[in-house]
Amino acid sequence: MTDATNDRPAVETLSFEDAQAELEAIVEQLEDRHTGLDAALGLWERGEALHAWCQQRLDHAAERLHKLTVSPDEVAAVQAESADGFVPAGAVPETAAIDPAPASAPGEEPSIF
């Protein structure tokens, strides 16, 4: 699939590296004072799309790395920050093992606070 305006590949088909290289080339073209207004606007729009694509790819990569590198200590730290031991969804990857919150002592009323 290509961009209909100038036969460039659709942004979502580009690798991160190709999108980044094209974005750098667009920045250079925009810095050239000889670029006309209409051409500059088209370049700007393409650059915005490339930037969004690159940012999406970086965010996805960071999320994957976090899921691969979470440790039991991080899980414990998140639990310790919460007074009741509750770990909000997304605070740690679903693949991490989480110990349940400690139960009330025998004879003690359970508390939600």
PDB file of N, CA and C in Angstrom:
ATOM      1  N   MET A   1       0.848  -1.170   0.000  1.00  0.00           N
ATOM      2  CA  MET A   1       0.000   0.000   0.000  1.00  0.00           C
ATOM      3  C   MET A   1       0.898   1.240   0.000  1.00  0.00           C
ATOM      4  N   THR A   2       0.532   2.259  -0.753  1.00  0.00           N
ATOM      5  CA  THR A   2       1.325   3.477  -0.823  1.00  0.00           C
ATOM      6  C   THR A   2       0.478   4.683  -0.486  1.00  0.00           C
ATOM      7  N   ASP A   3       1.155   5.762  -0.147  1.00  0.00           N
ATOM      8  CA  ASP A   3       0.513   7.042   0.101  1.00  0.00           C
ATOM      9  C   ASP A   3       0.102   7.595  -1.262  1.00  0.00           C
ATOM     10  N   ALA A   4      -1.171   7.827  -1.469  1.00  0.00           N
ATOM     11  CA  ALA A   4      -1.677   8.201  -2.791  1.00  0.00           C
ATOM     12  C   ALA A   4      -1.134   9.533  -3.289  1.00  0.00           C
ATOM     13  N   THR A   5      -0.726  10.422  -2.403  1.00  0.00           N
ATOM     14  CA  THR A   5      -0.305  11.747  -2.835  1.00  0.00           C
ATOM     15  C   THR A   5       1.050  11.759  -3.513  1.00  0.00           C
ATOM     16  N   ASN A   6       1.944  10.861  -3.153  1.00  0.00           N
ATOM     17  CA  ASN A   6       3.280  10.918  -3.748  1.00  0.00           C
ATOM     18  C   ASN A   6       3.974   9.569  -3.813  1.00  0.00           C
ATOM     19  N   ASP A   7       3.234   8.525  -3.859  1.00  0.00           N
ATOM     20  CA  ASP A   7       3.771   7.171  -4.025  1.00  0.00           C
ATOM     21  C   ASP A   7       4.757   6.751  -2.942  1.00  0.00           C
ATOM     22  N   ARG A   8       4.674   7.354  -1.769  1.00  0.00           N
ATOM     23  CA  ARG A   8       5.482   6.892  -0.639  1.00  0.00           C
ATOM     24  C   ARG A   8       4.722   5.769   0.049  1.00  0.00           C
ATOM     25  N   PRO A   9       5.442   4.818   0.647  1.00  0.00           N
ATOM     26  CA  PRO A   9       4.754   3.717   1.333  1.00  0.00           C
ATOM     27  C   PRO A   9       3.887   4.257   2.475  1.00  0.00           C
ATOM     28  N   ALA A  10       2.791   3.584   2.742  1.00  0.00           N
ATOM     29  CA  ALA A  10       1.944   3.957   3.873  1.00  0.00           C
ATOM     30  C   ALA A  10       2.768   3.849   5.155  1.00  0.00           C
ATOM     31  N   VAL A  11       2.571   4.797   6.047  1.00  0.00           N
ATOM     32  CA  VAL A  11       3.366   4.872   7.273  1.00  0.00           C
ATOM     33  C   VAL A  11       3.340   3.557   8.041  1.00  0.00           C
ATOM     34  N   GLU A  12       2.167   2.951   8.173  1.00  0.00           N
ATOM     35  CA  GLU A  12       2.043   1.739   8.993  1.00  0.00           C
ATOM     36  C   GLU A  12       2.739   0.521   8.401  1.00  0.00           C
ATOM     37  N   THR A  13       3.230   0.628   7.172  1.00  0.00           N
ATOM     38  CA  THR A  13       3.965  -0.493   6.573  1.00  0.00           C
ATOM     39  C   THR A  13       5.471  -0.360   6.774  1.00  0.00           C
ATOM     40  N   LEU A  14       5.913   0.784   7.293  1.00  0.00           N
ATOM     41  CA  LEU A  14       7.348   1.033   7.455  1.00  0.00           C
ATOM     42  C   LEU A  14       7.885   0.417   8.738  1.00  0.00           C
ATOM     43  N   SER A  15       9.148   0.019   8.690  1.00  0.00           N
ATOM     44  CA  SER A  15       9.821  -0.391   9.922  1.00  0.00           C
ATOM     45  C   SER A  15      10.106   0.878  10.726  1.00  0.00           C
ATOM     46  N   PHE A  16      10.414   0.712  11.990  1.00  0.00           N
ATOM     47  CA  PHE A  16      10.746   1.870  12.825  1.00  0.00           C
ATOM     48  C   PHE A  16      11.917   2.640  12.222  1.00  0.00           C
ATOM     49  N   GLU A  17      12.943   1.903  11.801  1.00  0.00           N
ATOM     50  CA  GLU A  17      14.151   2.541  11.271  1.00  0.00           C
ATOM     51  C   GLU A  17      13.870   3.307   9.980  1.00  0.00           C
ATOM     52  N   ASP A  18      13.060   2.737   9.100  1.00  0.00           N
ATOM     53  CA  ASP A  18      12.719   3.427   7.853  1.00  0.00           C
ATOM     54  C   ASP A  18      11.877   4.672   8.126  1.00  0.00           C
ATOM     55  N   ALA A  19      10.943   4.573   9.053  1.00  0.00           N
ATOM     56  CA  ALA A  19      10.105   5.722   9.404  1.00  0.00           C
ATOM     57  C   ALA A  19      10.952   6.829  10.020  1.00  0.00           C
ATOM     58  N   GLN A  20      11.887   6.452  10.873  1.00  0.00           N
ATOM     59  CA  GLN A  20      12.761   7.433  11.510  1.00  0.00           C
ATOM     60  C   GLN A  20      13.647   8.121  10.470  1.00  0.00           C
ATOM     61  N   ALA A  21      14.193   7.359   9.538  1.00  0.00           N
ATOM     62  CA  ALA A  21      15.046   7.934   8.494  1.00  0.00           C
ATOM     63  C   ALA A  21      14.249   8.903   7.622  1.00  0.00           C
ATOM     64  N   GLU A  22      13.026   8.528   7.268  1.00  0.00           N
ATOM     65  CA  GLU A  22      12.197   9.426   6.459  1.00  0.00           C
ATOM     66  C   GLU A  22      11.842  10.680   7.249  1.00  0.00           C
ATOM     67  N   LEU A  23      11.573  10.531   8.522  1.00  0.00           N
ATOM     68  CA  LEU A  23      11.260  11.685   9.363  1.00  0.00           C
ATOM     69  C   LEU A  23      12.445  12.645   9.426  1.00  0.00           C
ATOM     70  N   GLU A  24      13.650  12.104   9.560  1.00  0.00           N
ATOM     71  CA  GLU A  24      14.851  12.950   9.576  1.00  0.00           C
ATOM     72  C   GLU A  24      15.019  13.685   8.249  1.00  0.00           C
ATOM     73  N   ALA A  25      14.736  13.007   7.137  1.00  0.00           N
ATOM     74  CA  ALA A  25      14.828  13.645   5.818  1.00  0.00           C
ATOM     75  C   ALA A  25      13.793  14.761   5.687  1.00  0.00           C
ATOM     76  N   ILE A  26      12.605  14.544   6.228  1.00  0.00           N
ATOM     77  CA  ILE A  26      11.562  15.570   6.182  1.00  0.00           C
ATOM     78  C   ILE A  26      11.981  16.793   6.986  1.00  0.00           C
ATOM     79  N   VAL A  27      12.569  16.577   8.145  1.00  0.00           N
ATOM     80  CA  VAL A  27      13.035  17.700   8.960  1.00  0.00           C
ATOM     81  C   VAL A  27      14.049  18.524   8.176  1.00  0.00           C
ATOM     82  N   GLU A  28      14.972  17.856   7.503  1.00  0.00           N
ATOM     83  CA  GLU A  28      15.961  18.574   6.690  1.00  0.00           C
ATOM     84  C   GLU A  28      15.283  19.380   5.588  1.00  0.00           C
ATOM     85  N   GLN A  29      14.275  18.790   4.941  1.00  0.00           N
ATOM     86  CA  GLN A  29      13.564  19.504   3.880  1.00  0.00           C
ATOM     87  C   GLN A  29      12.806  20.706   4.438  1.00  0.00           C
ATOM     88  N   LEU A  30      12.215  20.552   5.611  1.00  0.00           N
ATOM     89  CA  LEU A  30      11.482  21.668   6.213  1.00  0.00           C
ATOM     90  C   LEU A  30      12.417  22.794   6.645  1.00  0.00           C
ATOM     91  N   GLU A  31      13.649  22.453   6.970  1.00  0.00           N
ATOM     92  CA  GLU A  31      14.625  23.476   7.349  1.00  0.00           C
ATOM     93  C   GLU A  31      15.136  24.255   6.145  1.00  0.00           C
ATOM     94  N   ASP A  32      14.930  23.722   4.951  1.00  0.00           N
ATOM     95  CA  ASP A  32      15.340  24.389   3.717  1.00  0.00           C
ATOM     96  C   ASP A  32      14.347  25.508   3.417  1.00  0.00           C
ATOM     97  N   ARG A  33      14.821  26.707   3.375  1.00  0.00           N
ATOM     98  CA  ARG A  33      13.945  27.866   3.179  1.00  0.00           C
ATOM     99  C   ARG A  33      13.385  27.945   1.763  1.00  0.00           C
ATOM    100  N   HIS A  34      13.783  27.080   0.878  1.00  0.00           N
ATOM    101  CA  HIS A  34      13.300  27.101  -0.501  1.00  0.00           C
ATOM    102  C   HIS A  34      12.099  26.184  -0.708  1.00  0.00           C
ATOM    103  N   THR A  35      11.655  25.510   0.346  1.00  0.00           N
ATOM    104  CA  THR A  35      10.488  24.642   0.240  1.00  0.00           C
ATOM    105  C   THR A  35       9.236  25.516   0.244  1.00  0.00           C
ATOM    106  N   GLY A  36       8.380  25.332  -0.747  1.00  0.00           N
ATOM    107  CA  GLY A  36       7.149  26.115  -0.843  1.00  0.00           C
ATOM    108  C   GLY A  36       6.158  25.765   0.256  1.00  0.00           C
ATOM    109  N   LEU A  37       5.181  26.642   0.437  1.00  0.00           N
ATOM    110  CA  LEU A  37       4.204  26.466   1.505  1.00  0.00           C
ATOM    111  C   LEU A  37       3.421  25.164   1.369  1.00  0.00           C
ATOM    112  N   ASP A  38       2.884  24.893   0.193  1.00  0.00           N
ATOM    113  CA  ASP A  38       2.099  23.672   0.010  1.00  0.00           C
ATOM    114  C   ASP A  38       2.944  22.424   0.229  1.00  0.00           C
ATOM    115  N   ALA A  39       4.160  22.444  -0.286  1.00  0.00           N
ATOM    116  CA  ALA A  39       5.060  21.301  -0.093  1.00  0.00           C
ATOM    117  C   ALA A  39       5.406  21.146   1.387  1.00  0.00           C
ATOM    118  N   ALA A  40       5.651  22.276   2.065  1.00  0.00           N
ATOM    119  CA  ALA A  40       5.991  22.229   3.486  1.00  0.00           C
ATOM    120  C   ALA A  40       4.830  21.666   4.306  1.00  0.00           C
ATOM    121  N   LEU A  41       3.609  22.058   3.966  1.00  0.00           N
ATOM    122  CA  LEU A  41       2.449  21.526   4.686  1.00  0.00           C
ATOM    123  C   LEU A  41       2.305  20.020   4.479  1.00  0.00           C
ATOM    124  N   GLY A  42       2.513  19.563   3.259  1.00  0.00           N
ATOM    125  CA  GLY A  42       2.463  18.127   2.988  1.00  0.00           C
ATOM    126  C   GLY A  42       3.545  17.373   3.746  1.00  0.00           C
ATOM    127  N   LEU A  43       4.745  17.957   3.769  1.00  0.00           N
ATOM    128  CA  LEU A  43       5.841  17.338   4.515  1.00  0.00           C
ATOM    129  C   LEU A  43       5.517  17.298   6.007  1.00  0.00           C
ATOM    130  N   TRP A  44       4.961  18.388   6.515  1.00  0.00           N
ATOM    131  CA  TRP A  44       4.609  18.459   7.938  1.00  0.00           C
ATOM    132  C   TRP A  44       3.603  17.363   8.295  1.00  0.00           C
ATOM    133  N   GLU A  45       2.574  17.207   7.463  1.00  0.00           N
ATOM    134  CA  GLU A  45       1.562  16.185   7.727  1.00  0.00           C
ATOM    135  C   GLU A  45       2.163  14.780   7.702  1.00  0.00           C
ATOM    136  N   ARG A  46       3.011  14.530   6.731  1.00  0.00           N
ATOM    137  CA  ARG A  46       3.675  13.223   6.655  1.00  0.00           C
ATOM    138  C   ARG A  46       4.569  13.036   7.881  1.00  0.00           C
ATOM    139  N   GLY A  47       5.270  14.086   8.270  1.00  0.00           N
ATOM    140  CA  GLY A  47       6.132  14.020   9.446  1.00  0.00           C
ATOM    141  C   GLY A  47       5.353  13.723  10.718  1.00  0.00           C
ATOM    142  N   GLU A  48       4.183  14.339  10.862  1.00  0.00           N
ATOM    143  CA  GLU A  48       3.332  14.071  12.031  1.00  0.00           C
ATOM    144  C   GLU A  48       2.921  12.603  12.069  1.00  0.00           C
ATOM    145  N   ALA A  49       2.539  12.070  10.920  1.00  0.00           N
ATOM    146  CA  ALA A  49       2.138  10.660  10.854  1.00  0.00           C
ATOM    147  C   ALA A  49       3.320   9.744  11.180  1.00  0.00           C
ATOM    148  N   LEU A  50       4.492  10.076  10.656  1.00  0.00           N
ATOM    149  CA  LEU A  50       5.686   9.276  10.937  1.00  0.00           C
ATOM    150  C   LEU A  50       6.049   9.341  12.418  1.00  0.00           C
ATOM    151  N   HIS A  51       5.976  10.531  12.999  1.00  0.00           N
ATOM    152  CA  HIS A  51       6.288  10.700  14.415  1.00  0.00           C
ATOM    153  C   HIS A  51       5.342   9.861  15.274  1.00  0.00           C
ATOM    154  N   ALA A  52       4.043   9.930  14.971  1.00  0.00           N
ATOM    155  CA  ALA A  52       3.064   9.153  15.737  1.00  0.00           C
ATOM    156  C   ALA A  52       3.345   7.653  15.624  1.00  0.00           C
ATOM    157  N   TRP A  53       3.696   7.196  14.427  1.00  0.00           N
ATOM    158  CA  TRP A  53       4.008   5.778  14.208  1.00  0.00           C
ATOM    159  C   TRP A  53       5.245   5.371  15.013  1.00  0.00           C
ATOM    160  N   CYS A  54       6.281   6.188  14.946  1.00  0.00           N
ATOM    161  CA  CYS A  54       7.509   5.880  15.693  1.00  0.00           C
ATOM    162  C   CYS A  54       7.231   5.856  17.195  1.00  0.00           C
ATOM    163  N   GLN A  55       6.458   6.827  17.692  1.00  0.00           N
ATOM    164  CA  GLN A  55       6.147   6.874  19.122  1.00  0.00           C
ATOM    165  C   GLN A  55       5.350   5.649  19.546  1.00  0.00           C
ATOM    166  N   GLN A  56       4.407   5.241  18.713  1.00  0.00           N
ATOM    167  CA  GLN A  56       3.619   4.038  19.000  1.00  0.00           C
ATOM    168  C   GLN A  56       4.524   2.813  19.080  1.00  0.00           C
ATOM    169  N   ARG A  57       5.450   2.703  18.158  1.00  0.00           N
ATOM    170  CA  ARG A  57       6.376   1.562  18.159  1.00  0.00           C
ATOM    171  C   ARG A  57       7.271   1.590  19.401  1.00  0.00           C
ATOM    172  N   LEU A  58       7.758   2.779  19.787  1.00  0.00           N
ATOM    173  CA  LEU A  58       8.594   2.901  20.983  1.00  0.00           C
ATOM    174  C   LEU A  58       7.807   2.548  22.246  1.00  0.00           C
ATOM    175  N   ASP A  59       6.575   3.026  22.341  1.00  0.00           N
ATOM    176  CA  ASP A  59       5.740   2.710  23.502  1.00  0.00           C
ATOM    177  C   ASP A  59       5.503   1.206  23.608  1.00  0.00           C
ATOM    178  N   HIS A  60       5.235   0.580  22.468  1.00  0.00           N
ATOM    179  CA  HIS A  60       5.009  -0.868  22.454  1.00  0.00           C
ATOM    180  C   HIS A  60       6.281  -1.614  22.883  1.00  0.00           C
ATOM    181  N   ALA A  61       7.423  -1.174  22.395  1.00  0.00           N
ATOM    182  CA  ALA A  61       8.692  -1.816  22.759  1.00  0.00           C
ATOM    183  C   ALA A  61       8.969  -1.652  24.250  1.00  0.00           C
ATOM    184  N   ALA A  62       8.710  -0.465  24.795  1.00  0.00           N
ATOM    185  CA  ALA A  62       8.935  -0.228  26.222  1.00  0.00           C
ATOM    186  C   ALA A  62       8.031  -1.116  27.070  1.00  0.00           C
ATOM    187  N   GLU A  63       6.786  -1.268  26.647  1.00  0.00           N
ATOM    188  CA  GLU A  63       5.854  -2.137  27.362  1.00  0.00           C
ATOM    189  C   GLU A  63       6.334  -3.588  27.344  1.00  0.00           C
ATOM    190  N   ARG A  64       6.792  -4.038  26.193  1.00  0.00           N
ATOM    191  CA  ARG A  64       7.295  -5.416  26.091  1.00  0.00           C
ATOM    192  C   ARG A  64       8.522  -5.614  26.974  1.00  0.00           C
ATOM    193  N   LEU A  65       9.428  -4.641  26.982  1.00  0.00           N
ATOM    194  CA  LEU A  65      10.621  -4.751  27.822  1.00  0.00           C
ATOM    195  C   LEU A  65      10.254  -4.788  29.296  1.00  0.00           C
ATOM    196  N   HIS A  66       9.305  -3.954  29.685  1.00  0.00           N
ATOM    197  CA  HIS A  66       8.897  -3.949  31.086  1.00  0.00           C
ATOM    198  C   HIS A  66       8.326  -5.307  31.488  1.00  0.00           C
ATOM    199  N   LYS A  67       7.515  -5.878  30.631  1.00  0.00           N
ATOM    200  CA  LYS A  67       6.936  -7.188  30.931  1.00  0.00           C
ATOM    201  C   LYS A  67       8.009  -8.258  31.043  1.00  0.00           C
ATOM    202  N   LEU A  68       9.068  -8.118  30.278  1.00  0.00           N
ATOM    203  CA  LEU A  68      10.143  -9.110  30.310  1.00  0.00           C
ATOM    204  C   LEU A  68      11.078  -8.923  31.495  1.00  0.00           C
ATOM    205  N   THR A  69      11.107  -7.723  32.055  1.00  0.00           N
ATOM    206  CA  THR A  69      12.100  -7.445  33.086  1.00  0.00           C
ATOM    207  C   THR A  69      11.526  -7.229  34.474  1.00  0.00           C
ATOM    208  N   VAL A  70      10.216  -7.335  34.664  1.00  0.00           N
ATOM    209  CA  VAL A  70       9.653  -7.134  35.993  1.00  0.00           C
ATOM    210  C   VAL A  70      10.157  -8.234  36.925  1.00  0.00           C
ATOM    211  N   SER A  71      10.506  -7.833  38.127  1.00  0.00           N
ATOM    212  CA  SER A  71      11.043  -8.791  39.094  1.00  0.00           C
ATOM    213  C   SER A  71      10.072  -8.946  40.263  1.00  0.00           C
ATOM    214  N   PRO A  72      10.230 -10.027  41.028  1.00  0.00           N
ATOM    215  CA  PRO A  72       9.383 -10.197  42.218  1.00  0.00           C
ATOM    216  C   PRO A  72       9.525  -9.027  43.193  1.00  0.00           C
ATOM    217  N   ASP A  73      10.725  -8.428  43.255  1.00  0.00           N
ATOM    218  CA  ASP A  73      10.929  -7.277  44.135  1.00  0.00           C
ATOM    219  C   ASP A  73      10.069  -6.096  43.698  1.00  0.00           C
ATOM    220  N   GLU A  74       9.924  -5.913  42.379  1.00  0.00           N
ATOM    221  CA  GLU A  74       9.076  -4.828  41.881  1.00  0.00           C
ATOM    222  C   GLU A  74       7.622  -5.078  42.245  1.00  0.00           C
ATOM    223  N   VAL A  75       7.199  -6.320  42.154  1.00  0.00           N
ATOM    224  CA  VAL A  75       5.830  -6.665  42.532  1.00  0.00           C
ATOM    225  C   VAL A  75       5.630  -6.355  44.007  1.00  0.00           C
ATOM    226  N   ALA A  76       6.581  -6.746  44.843  1.00  0.00           N
ATOM    227  CA  ALA A  76       6.488  -6.490  46.278  1.00  0.00           C
ATOM    228  C   ALA A  76       6.486  -4.991  46.562  1.00  0.00           C
ATOM    229  N   ALA A  77       7.270  -4.218  45.817  1.00  0.00           N
ATOM    230  CA  ALA A  77       7.321  -2.772  46.018  1.00  0.00           C
ATOM    231  C   ALA A  77       5.981  -2.130  45.687  1.00  0.00           C
ATOM    232  N   VAL A  78       5.354  -2.581  44.618  1.00  0.00           N
ATOM    233  CA  VAL A  78       4.038  -2.043  44.258  1.00  0.00           C
ATOM    234  C   VAL A  78       3.027  -2.391  45.342  1.00  0.00           C
ATOM    235  N   GLN A  79       3.094  -3.614  45.862  1.00  0.00           N
ATOM    236  CA  GLN A  79       2.176  -4.014  46.928  1.00  0.00           C
ATOM    237  C   GLN A  79       2.427  -3.193  48.186  1.00  0.00           C
ATOM    238  N   ALA A  80       3.689  -2.939  48.505  1.00  0.00           N
ATOM    239  CA  ALA A  80       4.026  -2.193  49.710  1.00  0.00           C
ATOM    240  C   ALA A  80       3.535  -0.751  49.631  1.00  0.00           C
ATOM    241  N   GLU A  81       3.501  -0.187  48.432  1.00  0.00           N
ATOM    242  CA  GLU A  81       3.028   1.186  48.261  1.00  0.00           C
ATOM    243  C   GLU A  81       1.534   1.294  48.506  1.00  0.00           C
ATOM    244  N   SER A  82       0.839   0.199  48.389  1.00  0.00           N
ATOM    245  CA  SER A  82      -0.602   0.187  48.582  1.00  0.00           C
ATOM    246  C   SER A  82      -0.892  -0.263  50.008  1.00  0.00           C
ATOM    247  N   ALA A  83      -1.642   0.527  50.746  1.00  0.00           N
ATOM    248  CA  ALA A  83      -1.904   0.226  52.151  1.00  0.00           C
ATOM    249  C   ALA A  83      -2.590  -1.119  52.346  1.00  0.00           C
ATOM    250  N   ASP A  84      -3.448  -1.501  51.409  1.00  0.00           N
ATOM    251  CA  ASP A  84      -4.186  -2.747  51.583  1.00  0.00           C
ATOM    252  C   ASP A  84      -3.637  -3.904  50.765  1.00  0.00           C
ATOM    253  N   GLY A  85      -2.494  -3.711  50.103  1.00  0.00           N
ATOM    254  CA  GLY A  85      -1.906  -4.778  49.311  1.00  0.00           C
ATOM    255  C   GLY A  85      -2.512  -4.930  47.935  1.00  0.00           C
ATOM    256  N   PHE A  86      -3.489  -4.081  47.615  1.00  0.00           N
ATOM    257  CA  PHE A  86      -4.133  -4.136  46.303  1.00  0.00           C
ATOM    258  C   PHE A  86      -3.180  -3.606  45.247  1.00  0.00           C
ATOM    259  N   VAL A  87      -3.084  -4.321  44.147  1.00  0.00           N
ATOM    260  CA  VAL A  87      -2.248  -3.895  43.030  1.00  0.00           C
ATOM    261  C   VAL A  87      -3.176  -3.559  41.871  1.00  0.00           C
ATOM    262  N   PRO A  88      -3.225  -2.273  41.485  1.00  0.00           N
ATOM    263  CA  PRO A  88      -4.128  -1.902  40.401  1.00  0.00           C
ATOM    264  C   PRO A  88      -3.751  -2.564  39.089  1.00  0.00           C
ATOM    265  N   ALA A  89      -4.743  -2.797  38.249  1.00  0.00           N
ATOM    266  CA  ALA A  89      -4.497  -3.398  36.939  1.00  0.00           C
ATOM    267  C   ALA A  89      -3.508  -2.544  36.180  1.00  0.00           C
ATOM    268  N   GLY A  90      -2.534  -3.181  35.576  1.00  0.00           N
ATOM    269  CA  GLY A  90      -1.531  -2.478  34.794  1.00  0.00           C
ATOM    270  C   GLY A  90      -0.322  -2.039  35.597  1.00  0.00           C
ATOM    271  N   ALA A  91      -0.370  -2.155  36.939  1.00  0.00           N
ATOM    272  CA  ALA A  91       0.775  -1.746  37.743  1.00  0.00           C
ATOM    273  C   ALA A  91       1.935  -2.706  37.561  1.00  0.00           C
ATOM    274  N   VAL A  92       1.628  -3.963  37.378  1.00  0.00           N
ATOM    275  CA  VAL A  92       2.642  -4.972  37.076  1.00  0.00           C
ATOM    276  C   VAL A  92       2.062  -5.878  35.997  1.00  0.00           C
ATOM    277  N   PRO A  93       2.907  -6.486  35.203  1.00  0.00           N
ATOM    278  CA  PRO A  93       2.396  -7.366  34.150  1.00  0.00           C
ATOM    279  C   PRO A  93       1.582  -8.515  34.713  1.00  0.00           C
ATOM    280  N   GLU A  94       0.611  -8.968  33.942  1.00  0.00           N
ATOM    281  CA  GLU A  94      -0.234 -10.079  34.361  1.00  0.00           C
ATOM    282  C   GLU A  94       0.561 -11.355  34.564  1.00  0.00           C
ATOM    283  N   THR A  95       1.721 -11.454  33.924  1.00  0.00           N
ATOM    284  CA  THR A  95       2.523 -12.666  34.028  1.00  0.00           C
ATOM    285  C   THR A  95       3.295 -12.733  35.333  1.00  0.00           C
ATOM    286  N   ALA A  96       3.366 -11.626  36.077  1.00  0.00           N
ATOM    287  CA  ALA A  96       4.123 -11.612  37.323  1.00  0.00           C
ATOM    288  C   ALA A  96       3.305 -12.289  38.421  1.00  0.00           C
ATOM    289  N   ALA A  97       4.002 -13.005  39.281  1.00  0.00           N
ATOM    290  CA  ALA A  97       3.332 -13.664  40.395  1.00  0.00           C
ATOM    291  C   ALA A  97       3.086 -12.643  41.490  1.00  0.00           C
ATOM    292  N   ILE A  98       1.883 -12.604  42.014  1.00  0.00           N
ATOM    293  CA  ILE A  98       1.541 -11.653  43.067  1.00  0.00           C
ATOM    294  C   ILE A  98       1.018 -12.443  44.250  1.00  0.00           C
ATOM    295  N   ASP A  99       1.643 -12.230  45.423  1.00  0.00           N
ATOM    296  CA  ASP A  99       1.175 -12.877  46.636  1.00  0.00           C
ATOM    297  C   ASP A  99      -0.096 -12.176  47.092  1.00  0.00           C
ATOM    298  N   PRO A 100      -1.067 -12.931  47.605  1.00  0.00           N
ATOM    299  CA  PRO A 100      -2.290 -12.286  48.081  1.00  0.00           C
ATOM    300  C   PRO A 100      -2.001 -11.429  49.305  1.00  0.00           C
ATOM    301  N   ALA A 101      -2.867 -10.478  49.564  1.00  0.00           N
ATOM    302  CA  ALA A 101      -2.716  -9.624  50.740  1.00  0.00           C
ATOM    303  C   ALA A 101      -2.828 -10.491  51.990  1.00  0.00           C
ATOM    304  N   PRO A 102      -2.116 -10.133  53.063  1.00  0.00           N
ATOM    305  CA  PRO A 102      -2.176 -10.945  54.279  1.00  0.00           C
ATOM    306  C   PRO A 102      -3.600 -10.984  54.842  1.00  0.00           C
ATOM    307  N   ALA A 103      -3.983 -12.133  55.343  1.00  0.00           N
ATOM    308  CA  ALA A 103      -5.311 -12.300  55.933  1.00  0.00           C
ATOM    309  C   ALA A 103      -5.323 -11.685  57.319  1.00  0.00           C
ATOM    310  N   SER A 104      -6.515 -11.423  57.821  1.00  0.00           N
ATOM    311  CA  SER A 104      -6.646 -10.893  59.173  1.00  0.00           C
ATOM    312  C   SER A 104      -6.211 -11.967  60.166  1.00  0.00           C
ATOM    313  N   ALA A 105      -5.720 -11.512  61.297  1.00  0.00           N
ATOM    314  CA  ALA A 105      -5.321 -12.438  62.352  1.00  0.00           C
ATOM    315  C   ALA A 105      -6.568 -13.129  62.893  1.00  0.00           C
ATOM    316  N   PRO A 106      -6.427 -14.349  63.420  1.00  0.00           N
ATOM    317  CA  PRO A 106      -7.588 -15.054  63.969  1.00  0.00           C
ATOM    318  C   PRO A 106      -8.271 -14.201  65.038  1.00  0.00           C
ATOM    319  N   GLY A 107      -9.598 -14.138  64.970  1.00  0.00           N
ATOM    320  CA  GLY A 107     -10.369 -13.381  65.951  1.00  0.00           C
ATOM    321  C   GLY A 107     -10.446 -11.898  65.635  1.00  0.00           C
ATOM    322  N   GLU A 108      -9.760 -11.467  64.627  1.00  0.00           N
ATOM    323  CA  GLU A 108      -9.749 -10.046  64.269  1.00  0.00           C
ATOM    324  C   GLU A 108     -10.736  -9.815  63.136  1.00  0.00           C
ATOM    325  N   GLU A 109     -11.481  -8.734  63.229  1.00  0.00           N
ATOM    326  CA  GLU A 109     -12.445  -8.402  62.181  1.00  0.00           C
ATOM    327  C   GLU A 109     -11.692  -7.951  60.931  1.00  0.00           C
ATOM    328  N   PRO A 110     -12.080  -8.460  59.764  1.00  0.00           N
ATOM    329  CA  PRO A 110     -11.443  -7.968  58.542  1.00  0.00           C
ATOM    330  C   PRO A 110     -11.799  -6.498  58.324  1.00  0.00           C
ATOM    331  N   SER A 111     -10.891  -5.774  57.769  1.00  0.00           N
ATOM    332  CA  SER A 111     -11.099  -4.348  57.537  1.00  0.00           C
ATOM    333  C   SER A 111     -10.850  -4.028  56.074  1.00  0.00           C
ATOM    334  N   ILE A 112     -11.654  -3.131  55.563  1.00  0.00           N
ATOM    335  CA  ILE A 112     -11.407  -2.700  54.186  1.00  0.00           C
ATOM    336  C   ILE A 112     -10.555  -1.438  54.156  1.00  0.00           C
ATOM    337  N   PHE A 113     -10.215  -0.911  55.323  1.00  0.00           N
ATOM    338  CA  PHE A 113      -9.376   0.296  55.389  1.00  0.00           C
ATOM    339  C   PHE A 113      -8.048  -0.016  55.993  1.00  0.00           C
TER     340      PHE A 113
END
